[in-house]
Amino acid sequence: MAGVGERLLQQLKKRKLRFAGHIMRGSSGPLLQLSLEEKIEGKRGQGRPRRNWVDDVKGWSGSTSYGDTKRKAEDIEEWRDMVANLRTAEGT
């Protein structure tokens, strides 16, 4: 049973990273890229900051910033290799 959960998690990570690369390269149009890069104004409630979509992509790609992740995604061959070699043991 645990093997099935790990495989499912790995497939979800790979799909998310493939889609992220697609968006960051601008292949999906400017609207999705704008929604990913823009900050939302306003106040948040108290408590721990929520993990967001970009945090996951940065962590799984081994990048420290969004700009670094975007540069990696622009090299489509490097991005595909990184996604293909993704491991579930890296964490969340």
PDB file of N, CA and C in Angstrom:
ATOM      1  N   MET A   1       0.816  -1.195   0.000  1.00  0.00           N
ATOM      2  CA  MET A   1       0.000   0.000   0.000  1.00  0.00           C
ATOM      3  C   MET A   1       0.860   1.260   0.000  1.00  0.00           C
ATOM      4  N   ALA A   2       1.950   1.262   0.760  1.00  0.00           N
ATOM      5  CA  ALA A   2       2.789   2.465   0.835  1.00  0.00           C
ATOM      6  C   ALA A   2       3.446   2.756  -0.509  1.00  0.00           C
ATOM      7  N   GLY A   3       3.792   1.729  -1.263  1.00  0.00           N
ATOM      8  CA  GLY A   3       4.405   1.927  -2.570  1.00  0.00           C
ATOM      9  C   GLY A   3       3.473   2.633  -3.538  1.00  0.00           C
ATOM     10  N   VAL A   4       2.183   2.327  -3.439  1.00  0.00           N
ATOM     11  CA  VAL A   4       1.197   2.958  -4.315  1.00  0.00           C
ATOM     12  C   VAL A   4       1.104   4.455  -4.011  1.00  0.00           C
ATOM     13  N   GLY A   5       1.103   4.812  -2.749  1.00  0.00           N
ATOM     14  CA  GLY A   5       1.032   6.217  -2.356  1.00  0.00           C
ATOM     15  C   GLY A   5       2.250   6.995  -2.815  1.00  0.00           C
ATOM     16  N   GLU A   6       3.441   6.390  -2.714  1.00  0.00           N
ATOM     17  CA  GLU A   6       4.662   7.061  -3.145  1.00  0.00           C
ATOM     18  C   GLU A   6       4.678   7.262  -4.652  1.00  0.00           C
ATOM     19  N   ARG A   7       4.225   6.250  -5.399  1.00  0.00           N
ATOM     20  CA  ARG A   7       4.177   6.386  -6.857  1.00  0.00           C
ATOM     21  C   ARG A   7       3.186   7.463  -7.268  1.00  0.00           C
ATOM     22  N   LEU A   8       2.050   7.512  -6.584  1.00  0.00           N
ATOM     23  CA  LEU A   8       1.047   8.529  -6.886  1.00  0.00           C
ATOM     24  C   LEU A   8       1.595   9.925  -6.597  1.00  0.00           C
ATOM     25  N   LEU A   9       2.267  10.083  -5.462  1.00  0.00           N
ATOM     26  CA  LEU A   9       2.860  11.366  -5.105  1.00  0.00           C
ATOM     27  C   LEU A   9       3.904  11.781  -6.140  1.00  0.00           C
ATOM     28  N   GLN A  10       4.727  10.839  -6.577  1.00  0.00           N
ATOM     29  CA  GLN A  10       5.748  11.150  -7.570  1.00  0.00           C
ATOM     30  C   GLN A  10       5.115  11.572  -8.896  1.00  0.00           C
ATOM     31  N   GLN A  11       4.040  10.909  -9.318  1.00  0.00           N
ATOM     32  CA  GLN A  11       3.355  11.282 -10.556  1.00  0.00           C
ATOM     33  C   GLN A  11       2.744  12.686 -10.445  1.00  0.00           C
ATOM     34  N   LEU A  12       2.173  12.993  -9.294  1.00  0.00           N
ATOM     35  CA  LEU A  12       1.597  14.325  -9.097  1.00  0.00           C
ATOM     36  C   LEU A  12       2.672  15.414  -9.152  1.00  0.00           C
ATOM     37  N   LYS A  13       3.824  15.150  -8.535  1.00  0.00           N
ATOM     38  CA  LYS A  13       4.918  16.110  -8.573  1.00  0.00           C
ATOM     39  C   LYS A  13       5.394  16.322 -10.001  1.00  0.00           C
ATOM     40  N   LYS A  14       5.548  15.237 -10.739  1.00  0.00           N
ATOM     41  CA  LYS A  14       6.021  15.350 -12.119  1.00  0.00           C
ATOM     42  C   LYS A  14       5.042  16.140 -12.977  1.00  0.00           C
ATOM     43  N   ARG A  15       3.762  15.888 -12.826  1.00  0.00           N
ATOM     44  CA  ARG A  15       2.768  16.620 -13.608  1.00  0.00           C
ATOM     45  C   ARG A  15       2.769  18.102 -13.257  1.00  0.00           C
ATOM     46  N   LYS A  16       2.902  18.393 -11.969  1.00  0.00           N
ATOM     47  CA  LYS A  16       2.924  19.793 -11.538  1.00  0.00           C
ATOM     48  C   LYS A  16       4.150  20.510 -12.103  1.00  0.00           C
ATOM     49  N   LEU A  17       5.306  19.832 -12.088  1.00  0.00           N
ATOM     50  CA  LEU A  17       6.520  20.440 -12.614  1.00  0.00           C
ATOM     51  C   LEU A  17       6.456  20.613 -14.131  1.00  0.00           C
ATOM     52  N   ARG A  18       5.887  19.632 -14.840  1.00  0.00           N
ATOM     53  CA  ARG A  18       5.742  19.782 -16.289  1.00  0.00           C
ATOM     54  C   ARG A  18       4.879  20.992 -16.618  1.00  0.00           C
ATOM     55  N   PHE A  19       3.766  21.135 -15.914  1.00  0.00           N
ATOM     56  CA  PHE A  19       2.868  22.262 -16.142  1.00  0.00           C
ATOM     57  C   PHE A  19       3.547  23.579 -15.768  1.00  0.00           C
ATOM     58  N   ALA A  20       4.312  23.577 -14.677  1.00  0.00           N
ATOM     59  CA  ALA A  20       5.021  24.778 -14.250  1.00  0.00           C
ATOM     60  C   ALA A  20       6.012  25.217 -15.317  1.00  0.00           C
ATOM     61  N   GLY A  21       6.737  24.278 -15.891  1.00  0.00           N
ATOM     62  CA  GLY A  21       7.676  24.612 -16.951  1.00  0.00           C
ATOM     63  C   GLY A  21       6.965  25.209 -18.146  1.00  0.00           C
ATOM     64  N   HIS A  22       5.829  24.648 -18.486  1.00  0.00           N
ATOM     65  CA  HIS A  22       5.014  25.134 -19.598  1.00  0.00           C
ATOM     66  C   HIS A  22       4.602  26.589 -19.354  1.00  0.00           C
ATOM     67  N   ILE A  23       4.163  26.884 -18.157  1.00  0.00           N
ATOM     68  CA  ILE A  23       3.729  28.244 -17.821  1.00  0.00           C
ATOM     69  C   ILE A  23       4.914  29.201 -17.797  1.00  0.00           C
ATOM     70  N   MET A  24       6.019  28.804 -17.161  1.00  0.00           N
ATOM     71  CA  MET A  24       7.159  29.705 -17.017  1.00  0.00           C
ATOM     72  C   MET A  24       7.833  30.004 -18.349  1.00  0.00           C
ATOM     73  N   ARG A  25       7.757  29.099 -19.311  1.00  0.00           N
ATOM     74  CA  ARG A  25       8.303  29.377 -20.634  1.00  0.00           C
ATOM     75  C   ARG A  25       7.399  30.302 -21.432  1.00  0.00           C
ATOM     76  N   GLY A  26       6.178  30.524 -20.967  1.00  0.00           N
ATOM     77  CA  GLY A  26       5.258  31.411 -21.657  1.00  0.00           C
ATOM     78  C   GLY A  26       4.466  30.711 -22.747  1.00  0.00           C
ATOM     79  N   SER A  27       4.511  29.376 -22.795  1.00  0.00           N
ATOM     80  CA  SER A  27       3.831  28.607 -23.828  1.00  0.00           C
ATOM     81  C   SER A  27       2.317  28.658 -23.689  1.00  0.00           C
ATOM     82  N   SER A  28       1.845  28.992 -22.516  1.00  0.00           N
ATOM     83  CA  SER A  28       0.409  28.964 -22.264  1.00  0.00           C
ATOM     84  C   SER A  28      -0.242  30.336 -22.395  1.00  0.00           C
ATOM     85  N   GLY A  29       0.546  31.328 -22.722  1.00  0.00           N
ATOM     86  CA  GLY A  29       0.005  32.672 -22.869  1.00  0.00           C
ATOM     87  C   GLY A  29       0.338  33.544 -21.675  1.00  0.00           C
ATOM     88  N   PRO A  30       0.157  34.831 -21.833  1.00  0.00           N
ATOM     89  CA  PRO A  30       0.576  35.766 -20.784  1.00  0.00           C
ATOM     90  C   PRO A  30      -0.313  35.769 -19.540  1.00  0.00           C
ATOM     91  N   LEU A  31      -1.571  35.343 -19.660  1.00  0.00           N
ATOM     92  CA  LEU A  31      -2.473  35.425 -18.513  1.00  0.00           C
ATOM     93  C   LEU A  31      -2.062  34.473 -17.391  1.00  0.00           C
ATOM     94  N   LEU A  32      -1.737  33.228 -17.722  1.00  0.00           N
ATOM     95  CA  LEU A  32      -1.305  32.287 -16.687  1.00  0.00           C
ATOM     96  C   LEU A  32       0.023  32.712 -16.080  1.00  0.00           C
ATOM     97  N   GLN A  33       0.928  33.182 -16.906  1.00  0.00           N
ATOM     98  CA  GLN A  33       2.223  33.618 -16.396  1.00  0.00           C
ATOM     99  C   GLN A  33       2.050  34.823 -15.472  1.00  0.00           C
ATOM    100  N   LEU A  34       1.190  35.741 -15.830  1.00  0.00           N
ATOM    101  CA  LEU A  34       0.921  36.911 -14.997  1.00  0.00           C
ATOM    102  C   LEU A  34       0.323  36.499 -13.657  1.00  0.00           C
ATOM    103  N   SER A  35      -0.606  35.546 -13.670  1.00  0.00           N
ATOM    104  CA  SER A  35      -1.227  35.109 -12.421  1.00  0.00           C
ATOM    105  C   SER A  35      -0.231  34.398 -11.513  1.00  0.00           C
ATOM    106  N   LEU A  36       0.774  33.773 -12.095  1.00  0.00           N
ATOM    107  CA  LEU A  36       1.786  33.073 -11.305  1.00  0.00           C
ATOM    108  C   LEU A  36       2.781  34.058 -10.696  1.00  0.00           C
ATOM    109  N   GLU A  37       3.124  35.107 -11.430  1.00  0.00           N
ATOM    110  CA  GLU A  37       4.183  36.017 -10.992  1.00  0.00           C
ATOM    111  C   GLU A  37       3.707  37.198 -10.159  1.00  0.00           C
ATOM    112  N   GLU A  38       2.468  37.586 -10.259  1.00  0.00           N
ATOM    113  CA  GLU A  38       1.974  38.772  -9.560  1.00  0.00           C
ATOM    114  C   GLU A  38       1.642  38.456  -8.105  1.00  0.00           C
ATOM    115  N   LYS A  39       1.790  39.470  -7.272  1.00  0.00           N
ATOM    116  CA  LYS A  39       1.434  39.362  -5.857  1.00  0.00           C
ATOM    117  C   LYS A  39       0.005  39.849  -5.655  1.00  0.00           C
ATOM    118  N   ILE A  40      -0.675  39.255  -4.717  1.00  0.00           N
ATOM    119  CA  ILE A  40      -2.039  39.656  -4.395  1.00  0.00           C
ATOM    120  C   ILE A  40      -1.969  40.656  -3.250  1.00  0.00           C
ATOM    121  N   GLU A  41      -2.648  41.768  -3.414  1.00  0.00           N
ATOM    122  CA  GLU A  41      -2.627  42.791  -2.383  1.00  0.00           C
ATOM    123  C   GLU A  41      -3.600  42.444  -1.265  1.00  0.00           C
ATOM    124  N   GLY A  42      -3.346  43.014  -0.111  1.00  0.00           N
ATOM    125  CA  GLY A  42      -4.240  42.806   1.017  1.00  0.00           C
ATOM    126  C   GLY A  42      -3.523  42.179   2.193  1.00  0.00           C
ATOM    127  N   LYS A  43      -4.256  41.992   3.277  1.00  0.00           N
ATOM    128  CA  LYS A  43      -3.689  41.417   4.491  1.00  0.00           C
ATOM    129  C   LYS A  43      -4.122  39.971   4.637  1.00  0.00           C
ATOM    130  N   ARG A  44      -3.235  39.200   5.207  1.00  0.00           N
ATOM    131  CA  ARG A  44      -3.541  37.814   5.529  1.00  0.00           C
ATOM    132  C   ARG A  44      -3.809  37.697   7.014  1.00  0.00           C
ATOM    133  N   GLY A  45      -4.487  36.650   7.366  1.00  0.00           N
ATOM    134  CA  GLY A  45      -4.740  36.404   8.774  1.00  0.00           C
ATOM    135  C   GLY A  45      -3.490  35.919   9.490  1.00  0.00           C
ATOM    136  N   GLN A  46      -3.596  35.798  10.808  1.00  0.00           N
ATOM    137  CA  GLN A  46      -2.471  35.329  11.599  1.00  0.00           C
ATOM    138  C   GLN A  46      -2.242  33.853  11.352  1.00  0.00           C
ATOM    139  N   GLY A  47      -1.066  33.414  11.752  1.00  0.00           N
ATOM    140  CA  GLY A  47      -0.743  32.003  11.662  1.00  0.00           C
ATOM    141  C   GLY A  47       0.431  31.749  10.730  1.00  0.00           C
ATOM    142  N   ARG A  48       0.698  30.485  10.552  1.00  0.00           N
ATOM    143  CA  ARG A  48       1.811  30.085   9.704  1.00  0.00           C
ATOM    144  C   ARG A  48       1.510  30.449   8.251  1.00  0.00           C
ATOM    145  N   PRO A  49       2.497  30.959   7.531  1.00  0.00           N
ATOM    146  CA  PRO A  49       2.280  31.264   6.119  1.00  0.00           C
ATOM    147  C   PRO A  49       1.973  29.986   5.339  1.00  0.00           C
ATOM    148  N   ARG A  50       1.047  30.079   4.426  1.00  0.00           N
ATOM    149  CA  ARG A  50       0.674  28.919   3.617  1.00  0.00           C
ATOM    150  C   ARG A  50       1.740  28.644   2.577  1.00  0.00           C
ATOM    151  N   ARG A  51       1.934  27.358   2.290  1.00  0.00           N
ATOM    152  CA  ARG A  51       2.802  27.001   1.165  1.00  0.00           C
ATOM    153  C   ARG A  51       2.039  27.298  -0.100  1.00  0.00           C
ATOM    154  N   ASN A  52       2.713  27.894  -1.032  1.00  0.00           N
ATOM    155  CA  ASN A  52       2.029  28.161  -2.277  1.00  0.00           C
ATOM    156  C   ASN A  52       2.638  27.338  -3.403  1.00  0.00           C
ATOM    157  N   TRP A  53       2.059  27.452  -4.556  1.00  0.00           N
ATOM    158  CA  TRP A  53       2.408  26.650  -5.714  1.00  0.00           C
ATOM    159  C   TRP A  53       3.867  26.848  -6.101  1.00  0.00           C
ATOM    160  N   VAL A  54       4.320  28.086  -6.084  1.00  0.00           N
ATOM    161  CA  VAL A  54       5.687  28.406  -6.485  1.00  0.00           C
ATOM    162  C   VAL A  54       6.689  27.824  -5.495  1.00  0.00           C
ATOM    163  N   ASP A  55       6.355  27.792  -4.212  1.00  0.00           N
ATOM    164  CA  ASP A  55       7.255  27.211  -3.212  1.00  0.00           C
ATOM    165  C   ASP A  55       7.522  25.735  -3.507  1.00  0.00           C
ATOM    166  N   ASP A  56       6.489  25.003  -3.876  1.00  0.00           N
ATOM    167  CA  ASP A  56       6.658  23.593  -4.224  1.00  0.00           C
ATOM    168  C   ASP A  56       7.568  23.436  -5.437  1.00  0.00           C
ATOM    169  N   VAL A  57       7.321  24.210  -6.469  1.00  0.00           N
ATOM    170  CA  VAL A  57       8.105  24.112  -7.704  1.00  0.00           C
ATOM    171  C   VAL A  57       9.563  24.468  -7.439  1.00  0.00           C
ATOM    172  N   LYS A  58       9.806  25.528  -6.648  1.00  0.00           N
ATOM    173  CA  LYS A  58      11.181  25.911  -6.319  1.00  0.00           C
ATOM    174  C   LYS A  58      11.880  24.797  -5.555  1.00  0.00           C
ATOM    175  N   GLY A  59      11.203  24.219  -4.577  1.00  0.00           N
ATOM    176  CA  GLY A  59      11.806  23.167  -3.770  1.00  0.00           C
ATOM    177  C   GLY A  59      12.129  21.917  -4.574  1.00  0.00           C
ATOM    178  N   TRP A  60      11.208  21.503  -5.399  1.00  0.00           N
ATOM    179  CA  TRP A  60      11.413  20.276  -6.183  1.00  0.00           C
ATOM    180  C   TRP A  60      12.444  20.454  -7.276  1.00  0.00           C
ATOM    181  N   SER A  61      12.618  21.678  -7.760  1.00  0.00           N
ATOM    182  CA  SER A  61      13.602  21.907  -8.820  1.00  0.00           C
ATOM    183  C   SER A  61      14.982  22.212  -8.242  1.00  0.00           C
ATOM    184  N   GLY A  62      15.066  22.376  -6.931  1.00  0.00           N
ATOM    185  CA  GLY A  62      16.344  22.645  -6.288  1.00  0.00           C
ATOM    186  C   GLY A  62      16.794  24.084  -6.444  1.00  0.00           C
ATOM    187  N   SER A  63      15.869  24.982  -6.680  1.00  0.00           N
ATOM    188  CA  SER A  63      16.189  26.396  -6.878  1.00  0.00           C
ATOM    189  C   SER A  63      15.956  27.172  -5.591  1.00  0.00           C
ATOM    190  N   THR A  64      16.585  28.333  -5.514  1.00  0.00           N
ATOM    191  CA  THR A  64      16.418  29.166  -4.328  1.00  0.00           C
ATOM    192  C   THR A  64      15.487  30.341  -4.582  1.00  0.00           C
ATOM    193  N   SER A  65      15.258  30.672  -5.861  1.00  0.00           N
ATOM    194  CA  SER A  65      14.397  31.802  -6.169  1.00  0.00           C
ATOM    195  C   SER A  65      13.533  31.478  -7.380  1.00  0.00           C
ATOM    196  N   TYR A  66      12.492  32.287  -7.562  1.00  0.00           N
ATOM    197  CA  TYR A  66      11.609  32.087  -8.711  1.00  0.00           C
ATOM    198  C   TYR A  66      12.346  32.368 -10.017  1.00  0.00           C
ATOM    199  N   GLY A  67      13.216  33.378 -10.018  1.00  0.00           N
ATOM    200  CA  GLY A  67      13.981  33.714 -11.216  1.00  0.00           C
ATOM    201  C   GLY A  67      14.886  32.576 -11.654  1.00  0.00           C
ATOM    202  N   ASP A  68      15.541  31.933 -10.679  1.00  0.00           N
ATOM    203  CA  ASP A  68      16.401  30.791 -10.975  1.00  0.00           C
ATOM    204  C   ASP A  68      15.581  29.637 -11.545  1.00  0.00           C
ATOM    205  N   THR A  69      14.414  29.398 -10.967  1.00  0.00           N
ATOM    206  CA  THR A  69      13.533  28.336 -11.453  1.00  0.00           C
ATOM    207  C   THR A  69      13.077  28.629 -12.876  1.00  0.00           C
ATOM    208  N   LYS A  70      12.756  29.878 -13.132  1.00  0.00           N
ATOM    209  CA  LYS A  70      12.298  30.265 -14.471  1.00  0.00           C
ATOM    210  C   LYS A  70      13.403  30.082 -15.505  1.00  0.00           C
ATOM    211  N   ARG A  71      14.640  30.425 -15.153  1.00  0.00           N
ATOM    212  CA  ARG A  71      15.764  30.222 -16.073  1.00  0.00           C
ATOM    213  C   ARG A  71      15.970  28.743 -16.367  1.00  0.00           C
ATOM    214  N   LYS A  72      15.797  27.897 -15.350  1.00  0.00           N
ATOM    215  CA  LYS A  72      15.910  26.454 -15.573  1.00  0.00           C
ATOM    216  C   LYS A  72      14.816  25.962 -16.511  1.00  0.00           C
ATOM    217  N   ALA A  73      13.604  26.476 -16.340  1.00  0.00           N
ATOM    218  CA  ALA A  73      12.470  26.041 -17.156  1.00  0.00           C
ATOM    219  C   ALA A  73      12.627  26.467 -18.606  1.00  0.00           C
ATOM    220  N   GLU A  74      13.333  27.565 -18.863  1.00  0.00           N
ATOM    221  CA  GLU A  74      13.507  28.031 -20.231  1.00  0.00           C
ATOM    222  C   GLU A  74      14.365  27.083 -21.054  1.00  0.00           C
ATOM    223  N   ASP A  75      15.257  26.322 -20.409  1.00  0.00           N
ATOM    224  CA  ASP A  75      16.014  25.284 -21.104  1.00  0.00           C
ATOM    225  C   ASP A  75      15.191  24.005 -21.013  1.00  0.00           C
ATOM    226  N   ILE A  76      14.410  23.743 -22.049  1.00  0.00           N
ATOM    227  CA  ILE A  76      13.411  22.678 -21.994  1.00  0.00           C
ATOM    228  C   ILE A  76      14.035  21.298 -21.786  1.00  0.00           C
ATOM    229  N   GLU A  77      15.205  21.058 -22.361  1.00  0.00           N
ATOM    230  CA  GLU A  77      15.853  19.748 -22.192  1.00  0.00           C
ATOM    231  C   GLU A  77      16.296  19.533 -20.748  1.00  0.00           C
ATOM    232  N   GLU A  78      16.880  20.569 -20.145  1.00  0.00           N
ATOM    233  CA  GLU A  78      17.294  20.474 -18.738  1.00  0.00           C
ATOM    234  C   GLU A  78      16.077  20.264 -17.831  1.00  0.00           C
ATOM    235  N   TRP A  79      14.986  20.977 -18.125  1.00  0.00           N
ATOM    236  CA  TRP A  79      13.779  20.861 -17.315  1.00  0.00           C
ATOM    237  C   TRP A  79      13.205  19.446 -17.414  1.00  0.00           C
ATOM    238  N   ARG A  80      13.157  18.908 -18.633  1.00  0.00           N
ATOM    239  CA  ARG A  80      12.633  17.543 -18.828  1.00  0.00           C
ATOM    240  C   ARG A  80      13.481  16.519 -18.094  1.00  0.00           C
ATOM    241  N   ASP A  81      14.813  16.671 -18.149  1.00  0.00           N
ATOM    242  CA  ASP A  81      15.695  15.754 -17.428  1.00  0.00           C
ATOM    243  C   ASP A  81      15.469  15.843 -15.928  1.00  0.00           C
ATOM    244  N   MET A  82      15.307  17.073 -15.425  1.00  0.00           N
ATOM    245  CA  MET A  82      15.083  17.262 -13.994  1.00  0.00           C
ATOM    246  C   MET A  82      13.767  16.605 -13.570  1.00  0.00           C
ATOM    247  N   VAL A  83      12.724  16.771 -14.374  1.00  0.00           N
ATOM    248  CA  VAL A  83      11.428  16.172 -14.048  1.00  0.00           C
ATOM    249  C   VAL A  83      11.520  14.651 -14.109  1.00  0.00           C
ATOM    250  N   ALA A  84      12.213  14.122 -15.103  1.00  0.00           N
ATOM    251  CA  ALA A  84      12.337  12.677 -15.251  1.00  0.00           C
ATOM    252  C   ALA A  84      13.093  12.050 -14.087  1.00  0.00           C
ATOM    253  N   ASN A  85      14.048  12.769 -13.500  1.00  0.00           N
ATOM    254  CA  ASN A  85      14.860  12.243 -12.415  1.00  0.00           C
ATOM    255  C   ASN A  85      14.372  12.648 -11.039  1.00  0.00           C
ATOM    256  N   LEU A  86      13.156  13.160 -10.946  1.00  0.00           N
ATOM    257  CA  LEU A  86      12.592  13.592  -9.674  1.00  0.00           C
ATOM    258  C   LEU A  86      12.420  12.406  -8.731  1.00  0.00           C
ATOM    259  N   ARG A  87      12.737  12.618  -7.496  1.00  0.00           N
ATOM    260  CA  ARG A  87      12.615  11.566  -6.474  1.00  0.00           C
ATOM    261  C   ARG A  87      11.585  11.986  -5.435  1.00  0.00           C
ATOM    262  N   THR A  88      10.852  11.026  -4.908  1.00  0.00           N
ATOM    263  CA  THR A  88       9.860  11.340  -3.873  1.00  0.00           C
ATOM    264  C   THR A  88      10.521  11.528  -2.520  1.00  0.00           C
ATOM    265  N   ALA A  89      11.714  11.024  -2.332  1.00  0.00           N
ATOM    266  CA  ALA A  89      12.374  11.120  -1.042  1.00  0.00           C
ATOM    267  C   ALA A  89      12.892  12.525  -0.740  1.00  0.00           C
ATOM    268  N   GLU A  90      12.728  13.484  -1.669  1.00  0.00           N
ATOM    269  CA  GLU A  90      13.210  14.849  -1.442  1.00  0.00           C
ATOM    270  C   GLU A  90      12.404  15.580  -0.396  1.00  0.00           C
ATOM    271  N   GLY A  91      11.273  15.076  -0.020  1.00  0.00           N
ATOM    272  CA  GLY A  91      10.440  15.771   0.955  1.00  0.00           C
ATOM    273  C   GLY A  91       9.059  15.967   0.380  1.00  0.00           C
ATOM    274  N   THR A  92       8.413  17.053   0.780  1.00  0.00           N
ATOM    275  CA  THR A  92       7.050  17.296   0.335  1.00  0.00           C
ATOM    276  C   THR A  92       6.978  17.752  -1.090  1.00  0.00           C
TER     277      THR A  92
END
